[in-house]
Amino acid sequence: MMEKIYLFMMYGLRGFIRALPFLFLSLVLIFISNKLYSINEVSIYTIMPISISKGIMLLALCSFVAAIIVWIYNWITDYRSDYLPNWIRRELY
């Protein structure tokens, strides 16, 4: 049972590495969005940064979804082609 869990994780390793740029982009966009949204003063000019912040948060969400799609796609293709790097194959078999 543990070997099947290891194989499941190892097939997802390459997809995770390919999805890392999207994950980092998502984290950066969330950080920028939170900095724009934390305005303390209330005036008519605060509407624009808040709406820009919501747009950036939507971009962060889209980037996170893209990372998940990239990971799942790579996991499926690696599983179908039975691809594992040589250093993993040496350790498992």
C-alpha atoms as a PDB file:
ATOM      1  CA  MET A   1       0.000   0.000   0.000  1.00  0.00           C
ATOM      2  CA  MET A   2       2.802   2.408   0.846  1.00  0.00           C
ATOM      3  CA  GLU A   3       4.450   1.754  -2.515  1.00  0.00           C
ATOM      4  CA  LYS A   4       1.268   2.816  -4.318  1.00  0.00           C
ATOM      5  CA  ILE A   5       1.156   6.013  -2.280  1.00  0.00           C
ATOM      6  CA  TYR A   6       4.804   6.695  -3.139  1.00  0.00           C
ATOM      7  CA  LEU A   7       4.117   6.104  -6.819  1.00  0.00           C
ATOM      8  CA  PHE A   8       1.120   8.438  -6.688  1.00  0.00           C
ATOM      9  CA  MET A   9       3.299  11.173  -5.177  1.00  0.00           C
ATOM     10  CA  MET A  10       6.231  10.573  -7.538  1.00  0.00           C
ATOM     11  CA  TYR A  11       4.092  10.822 -10.662  1.00  0.00           C
ATOM     12  CA  GLY A  12       2.962  14.250  -9.442  1.00  0.00           C
ATOM     13  CA  LEU A  13       6.480  15.517  -8.751  1.00  0.00           C
ATOM     14  CA  ARG A  14       7.258  16.756 -12.270  1.00  0.00           C
ATOM     15  CA  GLY A  15       3.830  18.396 -12.537  1.00  0.00           C
ATOM     16  CA  PHE A  16       4.388  20.184  -9.235  1.00  0.00           C
ATOM     17  CA  ILE A  17       7.721  21.533 -10.448  1.00  0.00           C
ATOM     18  CA  ARG A  18       6.088  22.783 -13.635  1.00  0.00           C
ATOM     19  CA  ALA A  19       3.256  24.393 -11.661  1.00  0.00           C
ATOM     20  CA  LEU A  20       5.580  26.282  -9.266  1.00  0.00           C
ATOM     21  CA  PRO A  21       5.807  29.477 -11.380  1.00  0.00           C
ATOM     22  CA  PHE A  22       2.023  29.768 -11.378  1.00  0.00           C
ATOM     23  CA  LEU A  23       1.918  29.187  -7.621  1.00  0.00           C
ATOM     24  CA  PHE A  24       4.561  31.855  -6.993  1.00  0.00           C
ATOM     25  CA  LEU A  25       2.733  34.269  -9.287  1.00  0.00           C
ATOM     26  CA  SER A  26      -0.448  33.616  -7.346  1.00  0.00           C
ATOM     27  CA  LEU A  27       1.289  34.311  -4.018  1.00  0.00           C
ATOM     28  CA  VAL A  28       2.824  37.553  -5.309  1.00  0.00           C
ATOM     29  CA  LEU A  29      -0.518  38.751  -6.674  1.00  0.00           C
ATOM     30  CA  ILE A  30      -2.244  37.955  -3.376  1.00  0.00           C
ATOM     31  CA  PHE A  31       0.435  39.940  -1.515  1.00  0.00           C
ATOM     32  CA  ILE A  32       0.020  42.935  -3.844  1.00  0.00           C
ATOM     33  CA  SER A  33      -3.764  42.734  -3.594  1.00  0.00           C
ATOM     34  CA  ASN A  34      -3.669  42.728   0.206  1.00  0.00           C
ATOM     35  CA  LYS A  35      -1.352  45.739   0.260  1.00  0.00           C
ATOM     36  CA  LEU A  36      -3.686  47.692  -2.032  1.00  0.00           C
ATOM     37  CA  TYR A  37      -6.795  46.689  -0.108  1.00  0.00           C
ATOM     38  CA  SER A  38      -5.462  47.794   3.281  1.00  0.00           C
ATOM     39  CA  ILE A  39      -6.192  51.495   2.853  1.00  0.00           C
ATOM     40  CA  ASN A  40      -7.258  53.154   6.103  1.00  0.00           C
ATOM     41  CA  GLU A  41      -8.625  56.479   4.927  1.00  0.00           C
ATOM     42  CA  VAL A  42     -12.073  56.775   3.425  1.00  0.00           C
ATOM     43  CA  SER A  43     -12.585  59.036   0.447  1.00  0.00           C
ATOM     44  CA  ILE A  44     -13.825  58.926  -3.090  1.00  0.00           C
ATOM     45  CA  TYR A  45     -10.315  58.094  -4.303  1.00  0.00           C
ATOM     46  CA  THR A  46     -10.172  54.825  -2.387  1.00  0.00           C
ATOM     47  CA  ILE A  47     -12.668  53.200  -4.751  1.00  0.00           C
ATOM     48  CA  MET A  48     -10.057  52.794  -7.493  1.00  0.00           C
ATOM     49  CA  PRO A  49      -7.409  50.932  -5.438  1.00  0.00           C
ATOM     50  CA  ILE A  50     -10.068  48.668  -3.971  1.00  0.00           C
ATOM     51  CA  SER A  51     -11.425  47.752  -7.402  1.00  0.00           C
ATOM     52  CA  ILE A  52      -7.874  47.215  -8.705  1.00  0.00           C
ATOM     53  CA  SER A  53      -7.203  45.036  -5.661  1.00  0.00           C
ATOM     54  CA  LYS A  54     -10.235  42.885  -6.433  1.00  0.00           C
ATOM     55  CA  GLY A  55      -9.080  42.510 -10.047  1.00  0.00           C
ATOM     56  CA  ILE A  56      -5.613  41.458  -8.933  1.00  0.00           C
ATOM     57  CA  MET A  57      -7.156  38.945  -6.523  1.00  0.00           C
ATOM     58  CA  LEU A  58      -9.136  37.503  -9.433  1.00  0.00           C
ATOM     59  CA  LEU A  59      -5.899  37.176 -11.424  1.00  0.00           C
ATOM     60  CA  ALA A  60      -4.324  35.391  -8.451  1.00  0.00           C
ATOM     61  CA  LEU A  61      -7.213  32.961  -8.343  1.00  0.00           C
ATOM     62  CA  CYS A  62      -6.891  32.310 -12.086  1.00  0.00           C
ATOM     63  CA  SER A  63      -3.160  31.711 -11.666  1.00  0.00           C
ATOM     64  CA  PHE A  64      -3.805  29.219  -8.876  1.00  0.00           C
ATOM     65  CA  VAL A  65      -6.368  27.378 -11.005  1.00  0.00           C
ATOM     66  CA  ALA A  66      -3.847  27.289 -13.871  1.00  0.00           C
ATOM     67  CA  ALA A  67      -1.280  25.743 -11.509  1.00  0.00           C
ATOM     68  CA  ILE A  68      -3.747  23.047 -10.512  1.00  0.00           C
ATOM     69  CA  ILE A  69      -4.582  22.320 -14.155  1.00  0.00           C
ATOM     70  CA  VAL A  70      -0.891  22.086 -15.081  1.00  0.00           C
ATOM     71  CA  TRP A  71      -0.233  19.723 -12.173  1.00  0.00           C
ATOM     72  CA  ILE A  72      -3.181  17.457 -12.985  1.00  0.00           C
ATOM     73  CA  TYR A  73      -2.368  17.371 -16.711  1.00  0.00           C
ATOM     74  CA  ASN A  74       1.263  16.449 -16.058  1.00  0.00           C
ATOM     75  CA  TRP A  75       0.279  13.833 -13.499  1.00  0.00           C
ATOM     76  CA  ILE A  76      -2.105  12.183 -15.969  1.00  0.00           C
ATOM     77  CA  THR A  77       0.410  12.177 -18.827  1.00  0.00           C
ATOM     78  CA  ASP A  78       3.200  10.851 -16.592  1.00  0.00           C
ATOM     79  CA  TYR A  79       0.930   8.137 -15.217  1.00  0.00           C
ATOM     80  CA  ARG A  80      -0.231   7.054 -18.679  1.00  0.00           C
ATOM     81  CA  SER A  81       3.271   6.924 -20.103  1.00  0.00           C
ATOM     82  CA  ASP A  82       4.658   5.379 -16.880  1.00  0.00           C
ATOM     83  CA  TYR A  83       7.297   8.117 -16.712  1.00  0.00           C
ATOM     84  CA  LEU A  84       9.446   8.345 -13.618  1.00  0.00           C
ATOM     85  CA  PRO A  85      12.932   9.875 -13.491  1.00  0.00           C
ATOM     86  CA  ASN A  86      15.828   7.413 -13.323  1.00  0.00           C
ATOM     87  CA  TRP A  87      16.839   8.429  -9.791  1.00  0.00           C
ATOM     88  CA  ILE A  88      13.333   7.591  -8.558  1.00  0.00           C
ATOM     89  CA  ARG A  89      13.236   4.282 -10.431  1.00  0.00           C
ATOM     90  CA  ARG A  90      16.534   3.213  -8.859  1.00  0.00           C
ATOM     91  CA  GLU A  91      15.171   3.875  -5.372  1.00  0.00           C
ATOM     92  CA  LEU A  92      11.793   2.199  -5.890  1.00  0.00           C
ATOM     93  CA  TYR A  93      12.769  -0.905  -7.858  1.00  0.00           C
END
